Amino acid sequence: MTHVPSPQGFDFETSGFVVSDSDIGVYCRPETGNHILIGSEDPECDEREWVDPDDYNREFSEQWTTQAYRMGQRIPSLGIPSRMKGCVDLYDVSDDWIPIYDKSSVAGYYMAIGTSGNQFKNAPVAGAMMASLIDYCEGGADHDKNPLQFPLSYIDGSIDVGFYSRLREINPESSFSVIG
């Protein structure tokens, strides 16, 4: 992720907002210190690099500059600093990019994984759903045979939590699938 200072005269930290711009292949959000955090939407024109999670390069690459230039197309007054700041790290993702919200094979352990980092905006509902799942399973229900139906608070509906099962069949038709 690329961190750049907000354009002079604009307080992006307090007045900016989350933007997803698939035309240029980046998203952004306010970052502490009146910076803009810019991340990749992983467009097809960018080379994918599969790495060993125990041994990968943690230095900034040309991708840092690419992301800054792309955001500069939307914010012409954006300055591109000569000193790179940001974050180089890995995130977890399932094979079809659909997260896993489920119990594990170890009794008493639960998981909310494989979100690729994009589920931060769903954290409140994911947390409530996981709390319900834990109560459901610890109360004796068999989530694998009868998946939890999580009621939605603000609309008339529910989420079939079995859709996010660790045992589900991988969906090769998922819009982000790397196996489809």
C-alpha atoms as a PDB file:
ATOM      1  CA  MET A   1       0.000   0.000   0.000  1.00  0.00           C
ATOM      2  CA  THR A   2       1.166   3.459  -0.889  1.00  0.00           C
ATOM      3  CA  HIS A   3       0.949   6.361   1.575  1.00  0.00           C
ATOM      4  CA  VAL A   4       1.164   9.882   0.147  1.00  0.00           C
ATOM      5  CA  PRO A   5       0.510  13.254   1.789  1.00  0.00           C
ATOM      6  CA  SER A   6      -2.848  14.889   1.201  1.00  0.00           C
ATOM      7  CA  PRO A   7      -2.738  17.703  -1.360  1.00  0.00           C
ATOM      8  CA  GLN A   8      -1.816  21.042   0.191  1.00  0.00           C
ATOM      9  CA  GLY A   9      -4.847  22.812   1.633  1.00  0.00           C
ATOM     10  CA  PHE A  10      -7.036  19.692   1.924  1.00  0.00           C
ATOM     11  CA  ASP A  11      -7.421  17.677   5.130  1.00  0.00           C
ATOM     12  CA  PHE A  12      -7.974  14.215   3.674  1.00  0.00           C
ATOM     13  CA  GLU A  13      -7.680  12.634   7.122  1.00  0.00           C
ATOM     14  CA  THR A  14     -10.899  14.319   8.330  1.00  0.00           C
ATOM     15  CA  SER A  15     -12.668  15.209   5.054  1.00  0.00           C
ATOM     16  CA  GLY A  16     -11.595  12.373   2.763  1.00  0.00           C
ATOM     17  CA  PHE A  17     -13.438   9.096   2.354  1.00  0.00           C
ATOM     18  CA  VAL A  18     -13.002   5.558   1.051  1.00  0.00           C
ATOM     19  CA  VAL A  19     -13.008   5.407  -2.747  1.00  0.00           C
ATOM     20  CA  SER A  20     -12.846   2.374  -5.021  1.00  0.00           C
ATOM     21  CA  ASP A  21     -11.899   3.268  -8.595  1.00  0.00           C
ATOM     22  CA  SER A  22     -11.789   0.222 -10.832  1.00  0.00           C
ATOM     23  CA  ASP A  23     -11.067   2.348 -13.909  1.00  0.00           C
ATOM     24  CA  ILE A  24      -7.574   3.089 -12.596  1.00  0.00           C
ATOM     25  CA  GLY A  25      -7.289  -0.102 -10.506  1.00  0.00           C
ATOM     26  CA  VAL A  26      -6.816   1.450  -7.055  1.00  0.00           C
ATOM     27  CA  TYR A  27      -8.752   2.284  -3.940  1.00  0.00           C
ATOM     28  CA  CYS A  28      -7.925   4.879  -1.321  1.00  0.00           C
ATOM     29  CA  ARG A  29      -8.869   5.893   2.186  1.00  0.00           C
ATOM     30  CA  PRO A  30      -7.782   8.489   4.749  1.00  0.00           C
ATOM     31  CA  GLU A  31      -4.624   7.589   6.669  1.00  0.00           C
ATOM     32  CA  THR A  32      -3.283   8.987   9.939  1.00  0.00           C
ATOM     33  CA  GLY A  33      -1.119  12.089   9.567  1.00  0.00           C
ATOM     34  CA  ASN A  34      -3.251  13.599   6.797  1.00  0.00           C
ATOM     35  CA  HIS A  35      -2.052  10.993   4.334  1.00  0.00           C
ATOM     36  CA  ILE A  36      -3.893   9.031   1.682  1.00  0.00           C
ATOM     37  CA  LEU A  37      -3.533   5.251   1.735  1.00  0.00           C
ATOM     38  CA  ILE A  38      -3.659   3.873  -1.812  1.00  0.00           C
ATOM     39  CA  GLY A  39      -4.079   0.165  -2.463  1.00  0.00           C
ATOM     40  CA  SER A  40      -4.296  -1.951  -5.570  1.00  0.00           C
ATOM     41  CA  GLU A  41      -7.535  -3.460  -6.825  1.00  0.00           C
ATOM     42  CA  ASP A  42      -5.369  -6.075  -8.533  1.00  0.00           C
ATOM     43  CA  PRO A  43      -6.228  -5.116 -12.130  1.00  0.00           C
ATOM     44  CA  GLU A  44      -5.481  -7.629 -14.875  1.00  0.00           C
ATOM     45  CA  CYS A  45      -2.817  -5.339 -16.371  1.00  0.00           C
ATOM     46  CA  ASP A  46      -0.659  -5.734 -13.240  1.00  0.00           C
ATOM     47  CA  GLU A  47       1.641  -8.710 -12.982  1.00  0.00           C
ATOM     48  CA  ARG A  48       0.706 -11.119 -10.195  1.00  0.00           C
ATOM     49  CA  GLU A  49       3.556 -12.330  -8.076  1.00  0.00           C
ATOM     50  CA  TRP A  50       3.011 -15.493  -6.044  1.00  0.00           C
ATOM     51  CA  VAL A  51       5.412 -15.633  -3.120  1.00  0.00           C
ATOM     52  CA  ASP A  52       6.545 -17.897  -0.331  1.00  0.00           C
ATOM     53  CA  PRO A  53       4.815 -16.398   2.754  1.00  0.00           C
ATOM     54  CA  ASP A  54       7.845 -17.269   4.863  1.00  0.00           C
ATOM     55  CA  ASP A  55      10.359 -15.638   2.512  1.00  0.00           C
ATOM     56  CA  TYR A  56       9.283 -12.674   0.399  1.00  0.00           C
ATOM     57  CA  ASN A  57      10.625  -9.230  -0.454  1.00  0.00           C
ATOM     58  CA  ARG A  58       9.356  -6.628   2.040  1.00  0.00           C
ATOM     59  CA  GLU A  59      10.804  -3.672   0.118  1.00  0.00           C
ATOM     60  CA  PHE A  60       8.727  -1.266  -1.946  1.00  0.00           C
ATOM     61  CA  SER A  61       8.529  -2.165  -5.608  1.00  0.00           C
ATOM     62  CA  GLU A  62       7.603  -0.259  -8.753  1.00  0.00           C
ATOM     63  CA  GLN A  63       3.991  -0.990  -7.741  1.00  0.00           C
ATOM     64  CA  TRP A  64       4.286   1.804  -5.139  1.00  0.00           C
ATOM     65  CA  THR A  65       4.931   4.373  -7.868  1.00  0.00           C
ATOM     66  CA  THR A  66       2.297   2.875 -10.174  1.00  0.00           C
ATOM     67  CA  GLN A  67      -0.378   3.224  -7.491  1.00  0.00           C
ATOM     68  CA  ALA A  68       0.647   6.808  -6.689  1.00  0.00           C
ATOM     69  CA  TYR A  69       0.566   7.781 -10.392  1.00  0.00           C
ATOM     70  CA  ARG A  70      -2.815   6.138 -10.855  1.00  0.00           C
ATOM     71  CA  MET A  71      -4.268   8.127  -7.954  1.00  0.00           C
ATOM     72  CA  GLY A  72      -2.665  11.243  -9.410  1.00  0.00           C
ATOM     73  CA  GLN A  73      -4.992  10.800 -12.401  1.00  0.00           C
ATOM     74  CA  ARG A  74      -7.912  11.471 -10.057  1.00  0.00           C
ATOM     75  CA  ILE A  75      -6.238  14.054  -7.811  1.00  0.00           C
ATOM     76  CA  PRO A  76      -4.084  16.220 -10.124  1.00  0.00           C
ATOM     77  CA  SER A  77      -2.708  18.233  -7.171  1.00  0.00           C
ATOM     78  CA  LEU A  78      -1.484  15.054  -5.477  1.00  0.00           C
ATOM     79  CA  GLY A  79       2.213  15.277  -4.772  1.00  0.00           C
ATOM     80  CA  ILE A  80       4.354  12.203  -5.340  1.00  0.00           C
ATOM     81  CA  PRO A  81       7.023  12.248  -2.618  1.00  0.00           C
ATOM     82  CA  SER A  82      10.556  11.094  -3.345  1.00  0.00           C
ATOM     83  CA  ARG A  83      10.600   9.066  -0.100  1.00  0.00           C
ATOM     84  CA  MET A  84       8.309   6.049  -0.253  1.00  0.00           C
ATOM     85  CA  LYS A  85       6.004   5.351   2.700  1.00  0.00           C
ATOM     86  CA  GLY A  86       3.397   2.666   3.119  1.00  0.00           C
ATOM     87  CA  CYS A  87       3.172  -1.021   3.837  1.00  0.00           C
ATOM     88  CA  VAL A  88       4.438  -4.156   2.123  1.00  0.00           C
ATOM     89  CA  ASP A  89       2.871  -7.291   3.522  1.00  0.00           C
ATOM     90  CA  LEU A  90       0.695 -10.290   2.779  1.00  0.00           C
ATOM     91  CA  TYR A  91      -2.963 -10.960   3.392  1.00  0.00           C
ATOM     92  CA  ASP A  92      -4.939 -14.165   3.486  1.00  0.00           C
ATOM     93  CA  VAL A  93      -7.393 -15.114   0.772  1.00  0.00           C
ATOM     94  CA  SER A  94      -9.358 -18.250   0.021  1.00  0.00           C
ATOM     95  CA  ASP A  95      -9.115 -19.894  -3.408  1.00  0.00           C
ATOM     96  CA  ASP A  96     -12.308 -18.210  -4.607  1.00  0.00           C
ATOM     97  CA  TRP A  97     -11.899 -15.018  -2.544  1.00  0.00           C
ATOM     98  CA  ILE A  98     -15.036 -15.820  -0.541  1.00  0.00           C
ATOM     99  CA  PRO A  99     -14.154 -15.618   3.171  1.00  0.00           C
ATOM    100  CA  ILE A 100     -14.484 -18.484   5.602  1.00  0.00           C
ATOM    101  CA  TYR A 101     -16.558 -17.759   8.695  1.00  0.00           C
ATOM    102  CA  ASP A 102     -16.768 -21.082  10.506  1.00  0.00           C
ATOM    103  CA  LYS A 103     -15.729 -23.327  13.337  1.00  0.00           C
ATOM    104  CA  SER A 104     -12.419 -25.133  12.928  1.00  0.00           C
ATOM    105  CA  SER A 105     -11.620 -28.809  13.286  1.00  0.00           C
ATOM    106  CA  VAL A 106     -10.245 -28.030  16.770  1.00  0.00           C
ATOM    107  CA  ALA A 107     -13.032 -27.901  19.355  1.00  0.00           C
ATOM    108  CA  GLY A 108     -13.643 -24.393  20.682  1.00  0.00           C
ATOM    109  CA  TYR A 109     -11.713 -22.615  17.905  1.00  0.00           C
ATOM    110  CA  TYR A 110     -13.421 -20.503  15.264  1.00  0.00           C
ATOM    111  CA  MET A 111     -12.165 -18.633  12.246  1.00  0.00           C
ATOM    112  CA  ALA A 112     -12.908 -15.561  10.190  1.00  0.00           C
ATOM    113  CA  ILE A 113     -10.247 -15.884   7.482  1.00  0.00           C
ATOM    114  CA  GLY A 114      -9.593 -15.635   3.762  1.00  0.00           C
ATOM    115  CA  THR A 115     -11.036 -12.154   3.499  1.00  0.00           C
ATOM    116  CA  SER A 116      -8.191 -10.693   1.403  1.00  0.00           C
ATOM    117  CA  GLY A 117      -8.418  -7.568   3.522  1.00  0.00           C
ATOM    118  CA  ASN A 118     -11.510  -6.336   1.708  1.00  0.00           C
ATOM    119  CA  GLN A 119     -13.897  -7.366   4.454  1.00  0.00           C
ATOM    120  CA  PHE A 120     -12.855  -4.594   6.866  1.00  0.00           C
ATOM    121  CA  LYS A 121     -16.036  -2.743   5.971  1.00  0.00           C
ATOM    122  CA  ASN A 122     -18.064  -5.801   6.994  1.00  0.00           C
ATOM    123  CA  ALA A 123     -16.302  -6.193  10.344  1.00  0.00           C
ATOM    124  CA  PRO A 124     -19.281  -5.199  12.528  1.00  0.00           C
ATOM    125  CA  VAL A 125     -21.669  -7.704  10.946  1.00  0.00           C
ATOM    126  CA  ALA A 126     -18.927 -10.354  10.647  1.00  0.00           C
ATOM    127  CA  GLY A 127     -18.196  -9.970  14.378  1.00  0.00           C
ATOM    128  CA  ALA A 128     -21.872 -10.257  15.297  1.00  0.00           C
ATOM    129  CA  MET A 129     -22.269 -13.232  12.962  1.00  0.00           C
ATOM    130  CA  MET A 130     -19.219 -14.961  14.476  1.00  0.00           C
ATOM    131  CA  ALA A 131     -20.538 -14.350  18.018  1.00  0.00           C
ATOM    132  CA  SER A 132     -23.845 -15.946  16.985  1.00  0.00           C
ATOM    133  CA  LEU A 133     -22.029 -18.844  15.333  1.00  0.00           C
ATOM    134  CA  ILE A 134     -19.993 -19.481  18.466  1.00  0.00           C
ATOM    135  CA  ASP A 135     -23.122 -19.385  20.660  1.00  0.00           C
ATOM    136  CA  TYR A 136     -24.924 -21.643  18.183  1.00  0.00           C
ATOM    137  CA  CYS A 137     -22.165 -24.275  18.092  1.00  0.00           C
ATOM    138  CA  GLU A 138     -21.218 -24.098  21.760  1.00  0.00           C
ATOM    139  CA  GLY A 139     -24.922 -24.508  22.555  1.00  0.00           C
ATOM    140  CA  GLY A 140     -24.837 -27.923  20.891  1.00  0.00           C
ATOM    141  CA  ALA A 141     -26.014 -27.175  17.335  1.00  0.00           C
ATOM    142  CA  ASP A 142     -24.308 -28.959  14.441  1.00  0.00           C
ATOM    143  CA  HIS A 143     -23.426 -26.121  12.081  1.00  0.00           C
ATOM    144  CA  ASP A 144     -22.108 -28.554   9.447  1.00  0.00           C
ATOM    145  CA  LYS A 145     -25.477 -30.347   9.169  1.00  0.00           C
ATOM    146  CA  ASN A 146     -27.788 -27.414   9.979  1.00  0.00           C
ATOM    147  CA  PRO A 147     -25.950 -24.167   9.215  1.00  0.00           C
ATOM    148  CA  LEU A 148     -26.698 -21.100  11.288  1.00  0.00           C
ATOM    149  CA  GLN A 149     -29.203 -18.682   9.756  1.00  0.00           C
ATOM    150  CA  PHE A 150     -27.998 -15.299  10.982  1.00  0.00           C
ATOM    151  CA  PRO A 151     -30.863 -12.770  11.199  1.00  0.00           C
ATOM    152  CA  LEU A 152     -30.158  -9.311   9.769  1.00  0.00           C
ATOM    153  CA  SER A 153     -30.992  -6.445  12.125  1.00  0.00           C
ATOM    154  CA  TYR A 154     -32.140  -3.775   9.692  1.00  0.00           C
ATOM    155  CA  ILE A 155     -33.813  -5.707   6.890  1.00  0.00           C
ATOM    156  CA  ASP A 156     -36.137  -8.660   6.738  1.00  0.00           C
ATOM    157  CA  GLY A 157     -33.695 -11.398   5.891  1.00  0.00           C
ATOM    158  CA  SER A 158     -30.933 -13.647   7.095  1.00  0.00           C
ATOM    159  CA  ILE A 159     -27.533 -14.919   6.034  1.00  0.00           C
ATOM    160  CA  ASP A 160     -27.001 -18.644   5.555  1.00  0.00           C
ATOM    161  CA  VAL A 161     -23.642 -18.865   7.322  1.00  0.00           C
ATOM    162  CA  GLY A 162     -23.120 -22.290   5.712  1.00  0.00           C
ATOM    163  CA  PHE A 163     -22.239 -20.371   2.514  1.00  0.00           C
ATOM    164  CA  TYR A 164     -18.965 -19.411   4.266  1.00  0.00           C
ATOM    165  CA  SER A 165     -18.210 -22.959   5.465  1.00  0.00           C
ATOM    166  CA  ARG A 166     -14.678 -24.289   5.535  1.00  0.00           C
ATOM    167  CA  LEU A 167     -16.174 -27.407   3.883  1.00  0.00           C
ATOM    168  CA  ARG A 168     -17.900 -25.620   1.000  1.00  0.00           C
ATOM    169  CA  GLU A 169     -17.107 -26.424  -2.594  1.00  0.00           C
ATOM    170  CA  ILE A 170     -14.809 -23.786  -4.066  1.00  0.00           C
ATOM    171  CA  ASN A 171     -16.712 -21.507  -6.428  1.00  0.00           C
ATOM    172  CA  PRO A 172     -14.718 -21.222  -9.695  1.00  0.00           C
ATOM    173  CA  GLU A 173     -17.333 -18.731 -10.964  1.00  0.00           C
ATOM    174  CA  SER A 174     -16.497 -16.209  -8.212  1.00  0.00           C
ATOM    175  CA  SER A 175     -15.607 -12.874  -9.792  1.00  0.00           C
ATOM    176  CA  PHE A 176     -12.189 -12.932  -8.126  1.00  0.00           C
ATOM    177  CA  SER A 177     -11.414 -16.634  -8.437  1.00  0.00           C
ATOM    178  CA  VAL A 178      -7.880 -17.492  -9.475  1.00  0.00           C
ATOM    179  CA  ILE A 179      -9.009 -21.005 -10.419  1.00  0.00           C
ATOM    180  CA  GLY A 180     -12.003 -20.140 -12.653  1.00  0.00           C
END
